[in-house]
N, C-alpha and C. Protein backbone atom coordinates (compact mmCIF):
# COMPACT_ATOMS: atom_id res chain seq x y z
N MET A 1 1.19 -1.45 0.14
CA MET A 1 0.06 -0.43 0.12
C MET A 1 1.03 1.37 -0.08
N LYS A 2 0.50 2.20 -0.85
CA LYS A 2 1.29 3.45 -0.93
C LYS A 2 0.84 4.54 -0.22
N LYS A 3 2.11 4.89 0.40
CA LYS A 3 1.26 5.95 1.54
C LYS A 3 1.54 7.53 0.85
N LYS A 4 0.49 8.28 1.12
CA LYS A 4 0.22 9.50 -0.04
C LYS A 4 0.87 10.67 0.91
N LEU A 5 1.43 11.35 0.35
CA LEU A 5 2.57 12.45 0.84
C LEU A 5 1.74 13.30 1.02
N PRO A 6 2.25 14.50 1.93
CA PRO A 6 0.73 14.97 2.69
C PRO A 6 0.98 16.47 1.63
N LYS A 7 -0.10 17.16 1.62
CA LYS A 7 -0.38 17.96 0.49
C LYS A 7 -0.10 19.29 1.40
N VAL A 8 0.75 20.49 0.44
CA VAL A 8 1.09 21.76 0.85
C VAL A 8 -0.09 22.73 1.26
N THR A 9 -0.90 22.95 1.94
CA THR A 9 -2.05 24.08 1.87
C THR A 9 -1.90 25.27 1.85
N PHE A 10 -2.48 26.28 1.09
CA PHE A 10 -2.35 27.92 1.41
C PHE A 10 -3.35 28.08 2.65
N ASN A 11 -2.60 27.95 3.82
CA ASN A 11 -3.73 27.94 4.94
C ASN A 11 -3.93 29.32 5.68
N SER A 12 -2.85 30.54 5.44
CA SER A 12 -3.08 31.76 6.08
C SER A 12 -3.15 32.89 4.83
N PRO A 13 -4.40 32.83 3.66
CA PRO A 13 -3.99 33.62 2.63
C PRO A 13 -3.30 35.07 2.82
N LEU A 14 -4.22 35.59 4.58
CA LEU A 14 -3.60 37.37 4.53
C LEU A 14 -2.03 37.10 4.82
N ILE A 15 -1.51 36.31 5.72
CA ILE A 15 0.10 36.69 6.07
C ILE A 15 0.94 36.09 5.06
N LEU A 16 0.63 35.03 4.41
CA LEU A 16 1.34 34.67 3.24
C LEU A 16 1.46 35.30 2.10
N GLY A 17 -0.03 36.46 2.08
CA GLY A 17 0.09 37.31 0.66
C GLY A 17 1.00 38.44 1.46
N PHE A 18 0.78 38.42 2.74
CA PHE A 18 1.63 39.89 3.37
C PHE A 18 3.01 39.93 2.97
N SER A 19 3.32 38.54 3.60
CA SER A 19 4.67 38.05 3.47
C SER A 19 5.71 38.15 2.20
N MET A 20 4.46 37.77 1.51
CA MET A 20 5.34 37.57 -0.19
C MET A 20 5.66 39.07 -0.43
N ILE A 21 4.32 40.36 -0.31
CA ILE A 21 4.59 41.60 -0.72
C ILE A 21 5.85 41.66 0.15
N CYS A 22 6.09 41.94 1.14
CA CYS A 22 7.48 42.24 2.05
C CYS A 22 8.49 41.47 0.84
N LEU A 23 8.81 40.51 0.40
CA LEU A 23 9.62 39.93 -0.08
C LEU A 23 9.90 40.54 -0.90
N ILE A 24 8.97 41.17 -2.09
CA ILE A 24 8.88 41.48 -3.24
C ILE A 24 9.71 43.04 -3.12
N ALA A 25 8.95 43.74 -1.72
CA ALA A 25 9.39 45.31 -1.53
C ALA A 25 11.06 45.01 -1.41
N VAL A 26 11.53 44.12 -0.68
CA VAL A 26 13.01 44.27 -0.14
C VAL A 26 13.34 43.60 -1.47
N ILE A 27 13.25 42.86 -2.83
CA ILE A 27 13.76 42.67 -3.77
C ILE A 27 13.89 43.96 -4.51
N ALA A 28 12.54 44.26 -4.65
CA ALA A 28 12.61 45.87 -5.25
C ALA A 28 13.34 46.76 -5.22
N ASN A 29 13.67 46.64 -3.50
CA ASN A 29 14.71 47.98 -2.63
C ASN A 29 15.84 47.82 -3.56
N PHE A 30 16.29 46.00 -3.41
CA PHE A 30 17.76 45.46 -3.80
C PHE A 30 17.93 45.92 -4.97
N ILE A 31 17.34 46.06 -6.09
CA ILE A 31 17.18 45.83 -7.32
C ILE A 31 17.60 47.53 -7.59
N THR A 32 16.56 48.52 -6.68
CA THR A 32 16.79 50.18 -7.35
C THR A 32 17.87 50.76 -6.73
N GLY A 33 18.42 49.94 -5.75
CA GLY A 33 19.58 50.52 -5.07
C GLY A 33 18.88 51.33 -3.85
N GLY A 34 17.86 51.07 -3.41
CA GLY A 34 17.16 51.79 -2.20
C GLY A 34 15.92 52.88 -2.56
N ALA A 35 16.06 52.78 -3.84
CA ALA A 35 14.95 54.08 -4.28
C ALA A 35 13.67 54.05 -4.23
N ALA A 36 13.46 52.50 -4.00
CA ALA A 36 11.77 51.45 -3.56
C ALA A 36 11.67 52.01 -2.59
N ASN A 37 12.21 51.83 -1.25
CA ASN A 37 11.83 52.38 0.09
C ASN A 37 11.61 53.30 0.02
N SER A 38 12.67 54.31 -0.70
CA SER A 38 12.07 55.77 -0.26
C SER A 38 11.61 55.88 -0.99
N VAL A 39 10.84 56.08 -2.18
CA VAL A 39 9.56 56.29 -2.82
C VAL A 39 7.72 55.30 -2.28
N LEU A 40 8.51 54.40 -1.83
CA LEU A 40 7.51 53.29 -1.29
C LEU A 40 6.84 52.97 -0.30
N PHE A 41 8.62 52.52 0.34
CA PHE A 41 7.75 51.41 1.06
C PHE A 41 8.96 51.93 2.81
N SER A 42 8.78 53.40 3.25
CA SER A 42 9.49 54.16 3.94
C SER A 42 8.83 55.39 4.36
N THR A 43 8.15 55.23 5.46
CA THR A 43 7.60 57.01 5.50
C THR A 43 8.50 57.84 6.48
N TYR A 44 8.23 59.16 6.13
CA TYR A 44 8.75 60.14 6.80
C TYR A 44 8.30 61.44 6.65
N ARG A 45 8.51 62.38 6.92
CA ARG A 45 7.62 63.63 7.13
C ARG A 45 7.99 64.30 5.82
N SER A 46 6.52 64.33 4.98
CA SER A 46 6.56 65.16 3.53
C SER A 46 5.31 65.70 3.71
N SER A 47 4.92 66.35 2.48
CA SER A 47 4.01 66.92 2.14
C SER A 47 2.70 66.07 2.68
N LEU A 48 1.58 66.82 3.04
CA LEU A 48 0.69 65.89 3.13
C LEU A 48 -0.76 66.24 2.17
N ALA A 49 -0.11 67.12 1.31
CA ALA A 49 -0.96 67.51 -0.18
C ALA A 49 -0.35 66.40 -1.28
N SER A 50 0.18 64.98 -0.90
CA SER A 50 1.40 64.47 -1.96
C SER A 50 0.09 63.11 -1.23
N PHE A 51 -0.16 61.97 -2.68
CA PHE A 51 -0.58 61.04 -2.25
C PHE A 51 0.40 60.47 -1.67
N PHE A 52 1.47 60.40 -2.31
CA PHE A 52 2.65 59.34 -1.54
C PHE A 52 2.97 59.53 -0.41
N THR A 53 2.39 60.62 0.27
CA THR A 53 2.90 60.65 2.01
C THR A 53 1.59 59.57 2.49
N TRP A 54 0.76 59.90 2.19
CA TRP A 54 -0.77 58.87 2.41
C TRP A 54 -0.59 57.48 1.88
N LEU A 55 -0.10 57.42 1.16
CA LEU A 55 0.50 55.99 0.80
C LEU A 55 1.61 54.95 1.56
N ARG A 56 2.16 55.89 2.25
CA ARG A 56 3.69 55.31 2.97
C ARG A 56 2.87 55.34 4.06
N PHE A 57 1.84 55.84 4.16
CA PHE A 57 1.64 55.91 5.75
C PHE A 57 0.83 54.27 5.90
N PHE A 58 0.95 53.57 5.04
CA PHE A 58 0.59 52.32 4.72
C PHE A 58 0.93 51.36 4.63
N THR A 59 2.01 51.75 3.43
CA THR A 59 3.03 50.88 2.61
C THR A 59 4.57 50.57 2.90
N HIS A 60 5.07 51.17 4.11
CA HIS A 60 6.33 51.56 4.72
C HIS A 60 6.21 50.02 5.67
N VAL A 61 4.99 49.26 6.12
CA VAL A 61 5.49 48.13 6.39
C VAL A 61 6.19 47.12 5.98
N PHE A 62 5.94 47.16 4.37
CA PHE A 62 6.28 46.09 3.55
C PHE A 62 7.66 46.04 3.51
N GLY A 63 8.37 47.26 3.55
CA GLY A 63 9.89 47.78 3.19
C GLY A 63 11.07 47.48 4.13
N HIS A 64 11.68 46.74 4.32
CA HIS A 64 12.87 46.09 5.37
C HIS A 64 14.07 46.86 4.58
N VAL A 65 15.16 47.18 5.36
CA VAL A 65 15.98 47.58 4.92
C VAL A 65 17.45 46.47 4.72
N SER A 66 17.23 45.13 5.41
CA SER A 66 17.86 44.05 4.66
C SER A 66 17.21 43.04 4.85
N TRP A 67 18.22 41.87 4.61
CA TRP A 67 17.50 40.42 4.78
C TRP A 67 16.96 40.15 6.06
N ALA A 68 18.07 40.62 6.68
CA ALA A 68 17.86 40.23 8.27
C ALA A 68 16.75 40.54 8.61
N HIS A 69 16.64 42.15 8.65
CA HIS A 69 15.37 42.31 9.03
C HIS A 69 14.29 41.89 8.76
N LEU A 70 13.88 41.37 7.58
CA LEU A 70 13.16 40.66 7.06
C LEU A 70 12.67 39.82 7.63
N VAL A 71 14.01 38.95 7.90
CA VAL A 71 14.05 37.41 8.13
C VAL A 71 13.32 37.75 9.60
N GLY A 72 14.04 38.84 10.80
CA GLY A 72 13.47 39.29 11.99
C GLY A 72 11.92 39.23 11.93
N ASN A 73 11.21 40.05 11.36
CA ASN A 73 9.70 40.43 11.25
C ASN A 73 8.71 38.96 10.72
N MET A 74 9.55 38.54 9.71
CA MET A 74 8.34 37.54 9.37
C MET A 74 8.95 36.27 10.41
N SER A 75 9.44 36.21 10.98
CA SER A 75 9.89 35.17 11.96
C SER A 75 8.54 35.30 13.04
N TYR A 76 8.41 36.77 13.18
CA TYR A 76 7.21 36.70 14.91
C TYR A 76 6.19 36.43 13.55
N ILE A 77 5.79 37.19 12.73
CA ILE A 77 4.20 37.47 11.96
C ILE A 77 4.13 35.91 11.41
N LEU A 78 4.95 35.18 10.77
CA LEU A 78 4.74 33.78 10.02
C LEU A 78 4.46 32.45 11.37
N LEU A 79 4.72 32.89 12.33
CA LEU A 79 4.92 31.89 13.52
C LEU A 79 3.39 32.28 14.00
N LEU A 80 3.30 33.84 14.54
CA LEU A 80 1.84 33.86 15.15
C LEU A 80 0.85 34.41 13.92
N GLY A 81 1.10 34.69 13.13
CA GLY A 81 -0.50 35.25 12.09
C GLY A 81 -0.93 34.36 11.71
N PRO A 82 -0.65 32.88 11.31
CA PRO A 82 -1.59 31.78 11.12
C PRO A 82 -3.08 31.99 12.35
N GLY A 83 -2.73 31.71 13.16
CA GLY A 83 -3.04 31.22 14.12
C GLY A 83 -4.06 32.14 14.23
N LEU A 84 -3.75 33.68 14.47
CA LEU A 84 -4.22 34.83 14.89
C LEU A 84 -5.63 35.19 13.25
N GLU A 85 -5.09 34.64 12.03
CA GLU A 85 -6.23 34.87 11.54
C GLU A 85 -7.20 33.89 11.14
N GLU A 86 -6.90 32.33 12.11
CA GLU A 86 -7.43 31.30 12.06
C GLU A 86 -8.34 32.07 13.27
N LYS A 87 -8.53 32.15 14.16
CA LYS A 87 -9.13 32.57 15.28
C LYS A 87 -9.65 33.75 15.00
N TYR A 88 -9.37 34.85 14.79
CA TYR A 88 -9.87 36.48 14.44
C TYR A 88 -10.06 36.44 12.78
N GLY A 89 -10.19 35.45 12.41
CA GLY A 89 -10.15 36.27 10.59
C GLY A 89 -9.75 37.08 9.83
N SER A 90 -9.53 37.02 9.07
CA SER A 90 -8.64 38.19 7.67
C SER A 90 -9.30 39.46 8.02
N ARG A 91 -10.27 39.63 7.82
CA ARG A 91 -11.16 40.96 7.79
C ARG A 91 -10.10 42.08 9.35
N LYS A 92 -10.48 40.94 10.24
CA LYS A 92 -9.95 41.96 11.74
C LYS A 92 -8.91 41.74 11.81
N LEU A 93 -8.09 41.14 10.95
CA LEU A 93 -6.49 41.27 10.79
C LEU A 93 -5.84 41.89 10.57
N VAL A 94 -6.28 41.83 8.87
CA VAL A 94 -5.87 43.18 8.39
C VAL A 94 -5.95 44.55 8.64
N LEU A 95 -7.28 44.86 9.78
CA LEU A 95 -7.76 46.13 10.09
C LEU A 95 -6.60 46.23 11.28
N VAL A 96 -6.01 45.37 12.32
CA VAL A 96 -5.08 45.48 12.95
C VAL A 96 -4.04 45.93 12.15
N MET A 97 -3.58 45.29 10.87
CA MET A 97 -2.38 45.80 10.30
C MET A 97 -2.47 46.86 9.83
N ALA A 98 -3.44 47.40 9.12
CA ALA A 98 -3.67 48.47 8.40
C ALA A 98 -3.65 50.05 9.80
N VAL A 99 -4.72 49.36 10.90
CA VAL A 99 -4.45 50.87 11.85
C VAL A 99 -2.52 50.73 12.41
N CYS A 100 -1.94 49.34 12.75
CA CYS A 100 -0.70 49.86 12.84
C CYS A 100 0.17 50.63 12.33
N ALA A 101 -0.04 50.12 11.20
CA ALA A 101 0.82 50.90 9.74
C ALA A 101 0.28 52.26 9.71
N PHE A 102 -0.65 52.96 10.07
CA PHE A 102 -1.26 54.20 9.71
C PHE A 102 -0.79 55.00 10.70
N VAL A 103 -1.12 54.14 12.37
CA VAL A 103 -0.80 55.20 13.27
C VAL A 103 1.03 55.15 13.30
N THR A 104 1.55 54.43 12.90
CA THR A 104 2.95 53.92 13.64
C THR A 104 3.86 55.01 12.34
N GLY A 105 3.29 55.02 11.13
CA GLY A 105 3.17 56.20 10.40
C GLY A 105 3.51 57.42 10.44
N VAL A 106 1.71 57.83 10.74
CA VAL A 106 1.63 59.36 11.52
C VAL A 106 2.62 59.78 12.65
N ILE A 107 3.07 59.13 13.62
CA ILE A 107 3.86 59.19 14.68
C ILE A 107 4.77 59.19 14.18
N ASN A 108 5.62 58.82 13.08
CA ASN A 108 7.06 58.63 13.03
C ASN A 108 7.00 60.43 12.05
N SER A 109 5.90 60.49 11.21
CA SER A 109 6.22 61.60 10.83
C SER A 109 6.06 62.91 11.09
N LEU A 110 5.05 63.15 12.87
CA LEU A 110 4.66 63.88 13.27
C LEU A 110 5.65 64.34 14.45
N PHE A 111 6.73 63.23 14.93
CA PHE A 111 7.72 63.06 15.49
C PHE A 111 8.89 63.06 15.56
N PHE A 112 9.18 62.10 14.70
CA PHE A 112 10.49 61.71 14.02
C PHE A 112 10.64 62.23 12.71
N GLY A 113 10.14 63.48 11.94
CA GLY A 113 10.23 63.79 10.28
C GLY A 113 11.23 63.15 9.68
N ASN A 114 12.28 63.48 10.44
CA ASN A 114 13.73 63.30 9.55
C ASN A 114 14.17 61.78 9.47
N THR A 115 13.75 60.97 10.18
CA THR A 115 13.89 59.70 10.48
C THR A 115 13.28 58.75 9.48
N ALA A 116 13.55 58.28 8.38
CA ALA A 116 12.40 57.26 7.68
C ALA A 116 12.39 55.99 7.99
N LEU A 117 11.10 55.61 8.52
CA LEU A 117 10.70 54.45 8.89
C LEU A 117 10.18 53.42 8.08
N CYS A 118 11.02 52.02 8.11
CA CYS A 118 10.18 50.97 7.05
C CYS A 118 10.17 49.86 8.45
N GLY A 119 9.46 48.86 7.58
CA GLY A 119 9.66 47.44 8.52
C GLY A 119 8.46 46.93 9.00
N ALA A 120 7.99 45.73 9.56
CA ALA A 120 7.03 45.02 9.74
C ALA A 120 7.04 45.04 11.44
N SER A 121 8.07 45.88 11.86
CA SER A 121 8.10 45.19 13.62
C SER A 121 7.00 45.51 14.10
N GLY A 122 6.48 46.68 13.96
CA GLY A 122 4.91 47.26 14.59
C GLY A 122 3.89 45.83 14.80
N ILE A 123 4.15 45.64 13.12
CA ILE A 123 2.55 44.76 13.18
C ILE A 123 3.25 43.18 13.80
N ALA A 124 4.28 43.18 14.04
CA ALA A 124 5.23 41.94 15.00
C ALA A 124 4.36 42.05 16.21
N PHE A 125 4.88 42.85 17.52
CA PHE A 125 4.35 43.71 18.64
C PHE A 125 3.12 43.51 18.30
N ALA A 126 1.88 43.73 17.33
CA ALA A 126 0.90 44.00 17.47
C ALA A 126 0.54 42.48 17.77
N PHE A 127 0.78 41.40 16.66
CA PHE A 127 0.92 40.05 16.88
C PHE A 127 0.97 39.50 18.53
N ILE A 128 2.29 39.88 18.60
CA ILE A 128 2.55 39.59 20.09
C ILE A 128 1.58 39.56 20.88
N LEU A 129 1.07 41.04 21.24
CA LEU A 129 0.06 41.19 22.12
C LEU A 129 -1.03 40.90 21.89
N LEU A 130 -1.83 40.27 20.56
CA LEU A 130 -2.48 39.82 19.98
C LEU A 130 -3.06 38.71 20.55
N THR A 131 -2.02 38.04 20.46
CA THR A 131 -1.77 36.44 20.77
C THR A 131 -1.93 36.12 22.31
N SER A 132 -1.72 37.21 23.10
CA SER A 132 -1.82 36.71 24.90
C SER A 132 -3.10 36.91 24.79
N PHE A 133 -3.93 37.48 24.27
CA PHE A 133 -5.80 37.41 24.20
C PHE A 133 -6.22 35.98 23.58
N THR A 134 -5.90 35.09 23.37
CA THR A 134 -6.18 34.42 22.32
C THR A 134 -7.52 33.20 23.61
N SER A 135 -7.04 33.19 25.03
CA SER A 135 -7.74 32.25 25.89
C SER A 135 -8.86 33.70 26.85
N PHE A 136 -8.43 34.70 26.23
CA PHE A 136 -9.44 35.99 26.72
C PHE A 136 -11.05 35.03 27.20
N LYS A 137 -11.18 35.85 28.47
CA LYS A 137 -12.47 35.57 29.04
C LYS A 137 -13.12 37.12 29.26
N GLU A 138 -14.64 37.26 29.19
CA GLU A 138 -15.22 38.40 29.22
C GLU A 138 -15.09 38.46 31.13
N GLY A 139 -14.74 40.07 31.37
CA GLY A 139 -14.55 40.16 32.88
C GLY A 139 -12.82 39.59 33.60
N GLU A 140 -11.99 39.51 32.54
CA GLU A 140 -10.88 39.25 33.00
C GLU A 140 -9.72 39.91 32.02
N ILE A 141 -9.11 39.63 32.92
CA ILE A 141 -7.43 40.02 31.97
C ILE A 141 -6.52 39.13 32.00
N PRO A 142 -6.36 38.43 30.81
CA PRO A 142 -5.34 37.49 31.26
C PRO A 142 -3.96 37.79 31.94
N LEU A 143 -3.07 36.75 32.59
CA LEU A 143 -1.79 37.17 33.33
C LEU A 143 -0.83 37.11 31.83
N THR A 144 -1.05 36.26 31.04
CA THR A 144 0.13 36.39 29.88
C THR A 144 0.09 37.82 29.10
N PHE A 145 -1.26 38.36 29.20
CA PHE A 145 -0.94 39.68 28.45
C PHE A 145 -0.20 40.76 29.69
N ILE A 146 -0.77 40.46 31.07
CA ILE A 146 0.06 41.87 30.96
C ILE A 146 1.77 41.13 31.66
N LEU A 147 2.12 40.02 31.38
CA LEU A 147 3.71 39.10 31.80
C LEU A 147 4.40 39.84 30.08
N VAL A 148 3.76 39.21 29.05
CA VAL A 148 3.87 40.20 27.99
C VAL A 148 4.34 41.30 27.24
N ALA A 149 2.84 42.29 28.29
CA ALA A 149 3.24 43.34 27.55
C ALA A 149 4.32 44.31 28.89
N VAL A 150 4.54 43.87 29.98
CA VAL A 150 5.81 44.12 30.55
C VAL A 150 6.86 43.69 30.31
N ILE A 151 7.29 42.27 29.72
CA ILE A 151 8.60 41.99 29.31
C ILE A 151 8.89 42.90 27.88
N TYR A 152 7.40 42.32 26.68
CA TYR A 152 8.08 43.37 25.53
C TYR A 152 7.89 44.70 25.60
N LEU A 153 6.98 45.43 25.85
CA LEU A 153 6.92 46.97 25.99
C LEU A 153 7.87 47.33 26.95
N GLY A 154 8.03 47.01 28.23
CA GLY A 154 9.09 47.55 29.15
C GLY A 154 10.56 47.26 28.49
N GLN A 155 10.50 46.35 27.42
CA GLN A 155 12.12 46.09 27.03
C GLN A 155 12.07 46.98 25.92
N GLN A 156 11.33 47.59 25.26
CA GLN A 156 11.21 48.73 24.11
C GLN A 156 11.64 49.71 24.48
N ILE A 157 10.70 50.05 25.84
CA ILE A 157 10.54 51.51 26.97
C ILE A 157 12.35 51.81 27.03
N PHE A 158 12.84 50.80 27.86
CA PHE A 158 13.86 50.96 28.30
C PHE A 158 15.10 51.20 26.75
N ASP A 159 14.94 50.43 26.15
CA ASP A 159 15.65 50.36 24.95
C ASP A 159 15.85 51.75 24.20
N GLY A 160 14.63 52.32 24.42
CA GLY A 160 14.07 53.50 23.51
C GLY A 160 14.72 54.47 24.33
N ILE A 161 15.26 54.40 25.69
CA ILE A 161 15.69 55.59 26.52
C ILE A 161 16.97 55.03 26.67
N MET A 162 17.74 54.03 26.94
CA MET A 162 19.60 53.56 26.72
C MET A 162 20.07 53.38 26.02
N ILE A 163 19.28 53.25 24.58
CA ILE A 163 20.02 52.68 23.66
C ILE A 163 19.68 53.31 22.19
N ASP A 164 21.09 53.92 21.54
CA ASP A 164 20.89 54.54 20.25
C ASP A 164 21.33 53.52 19.05
N ASP A 165 19.92 52.62 18.51
CA ASP A 165 20.65 51.35 17.71
C ASP A 165 20.02 51.82 16.50
N ASN A 166 19.33 52.81 16.18
CA ASN A 166 18.34 52.29 14.76
C ASN A 166 16.93 51.98 14.97
N VAL A 167 16.74 51.10 16.08
CA VAL A 167 15.35 50.70 15.92
C VAL A 167 14.57 51.46 16.76
N SER A 168 13.31 51.07 15.69
CA SER A 168 12.43 52.44 16.14
C SER A 168 11.61 51.56 17.17
N ASN A 169 12.07 51.78 18.22
CA ASN A 169 11.28 51.03 19.54
C ASN A 169 9.69 51.68 19.70
N LEU A 170 9.72 52.84 19.21
CA LEU A 170 8.22 53.19 19.53
C LEU A 170 7.03 52.64 18.79
N SER A 171 7.76 52.15 17.30
CA SER A 171 6.79 51.72 16.26
C SER A 171 6.59 50.11 17.13
N HIS A 172 7.31 49.80 17.96
CA HIS A 172 7.07 48.50 18.47
C HIS A 172 6.52 48.65 20.01
N ILE A 173 6.32 49.63 20.63
CA ILE A 173 5.23 50.15 21.29
C ILE A 173 4.27 50.25 20.85
N VAL A 174 3.90 51.54 19.79
CA VAL A 174 2.38 51.65 19.34
C VAL A 174 2.19 50.01 18.51
N GLY A 175 2.84 49.47 18.40
CA GLY A 175 1.94 48.63 17.46
C GLY A 175 1.70 47.12 18.55
N GLY A 176 2.20 47.24 20.06
CA GLY A 176 1.65 46.39 21.01
C GLY A 176 0.69 47.02 21.84
N ILE A 177 0.44 48.70 22.02
CA ILE A 177 -0.74 48.84 22.18
C ILE A 177 -1.94 48.31 21.08
N VAL A 178 -1.98 48.73 19.90
CA VAL A 178 -2.48 48.52 18.78
C VAL A 178 -2.98 46.69 19.12
N GLY A 179 -1.94 45.97 19.22
CA GLY A 179 -2.44 44.39 19.41
C GLY A 179 -3.41 44.23 20.62
N GLY A 180 -2.82 44.68 21.88
CA GLY A 180 -3.65 44.92 23.23
C GLY A 180 -4.90 45.02 22.95
N THR A 181 -5.06 46.60 22.57
CA THR A 181 -6.65 47.00 22.38
C THR A 181 -7.62 46.08 21.49
N ALA A 182 -6.62 45.56 20.45
CA ALA A 182 -7.60 44.51 19.39
C ALA A 182 -7.70 43.97 20.28
N GLY A 183 -6.90 42.71 20.99
CA GLY A 183 -7.50 41.53 21.44
C GLY A 183 -8.26 41.84 22.54
N TYR A 184 -8.87 42.88 23.63
CA TYR A 184 -9.18 43.00 24.54
C TYR A 184 -10.70 43.38 23.56
N MET A 185 -10.72 44.42 22.36
CA MET A 185 -11.95 44.78 21.57
C MET A 185 -12.18 43.59 20.98
N PHE A 186 -12.06 42.50 20.49
CA PHE A 186 -12.21 41.13 19.64
C PHE A 186 -12.79 40.59 20.98
N ASN A 187 -12.37 40.48 21.98
CA ASN A 187 -12.61 38.77 22.45
C ASN A 187 -13.69 39.66 23.68
N ARG A 188 -14.18 40.93 23.49
CA ARG A 188 -15.47 41.38 24.50
C ARG A 188 -16.40 40.60 23.52
N ARG A 189 -17.90 40.40 24.81
CA ARG A 189 -18.74 39.70 24.02
C ARG A 189 -19.36 40.55 22.91
N LYS A 190 -19.57 42.17 23.37
CA LYS A 190 -20.72 42.40 22.22
C LYS A 190 -19.07 43.00 21.37
N ALA A 191 -18.30 42.68 21.23
CA ALA A 191 -17.20 43.60 20.13
C ALA A 191 -17.53 42.90 18.45
N PHE A 192 -17.71 43.88 17.54
CA PHE A 192 -18.07 43.80 16.21
C PHE A 192 -18.54 42.52 16.01
């Protein structure tokens, strides 16, 4: 009797699609010598009258400055994203991703306008905090959420104050806040 080989399934369309766009953006940035990130895949202070300013508030999450940067973010997103997509659905998860992208883009433009921001680390942190709400019950705050918030967000606050390393700790913190808020909202009995 022949054993059937397991088939590969396209189990998480949103997360896999997002990851592919990020990969294409990194390749495009490499081919264009950095122009792709500058035009499409990073956000910085520019005229609000420009269509590209508004577009970059959302598309900066696709760009990454290096393969290592991409791999670091995709490790979290590919690990946590499929379970979140299964639990909450693609619509709610894309909302979390879009809100995270927009808020981090706007905050960076307002407060750190001379610094270009790119990468999906805010989304990765949103997923980390959102995951800690998977066993949420009405009227309770999971201890795992508190511990994750203290450990991950506390580390980012500490690093932001003490270490000058070109890492956007603010996008990590904002992403965590977006993910934690979404986790709470999505799991309330009357949510969405």
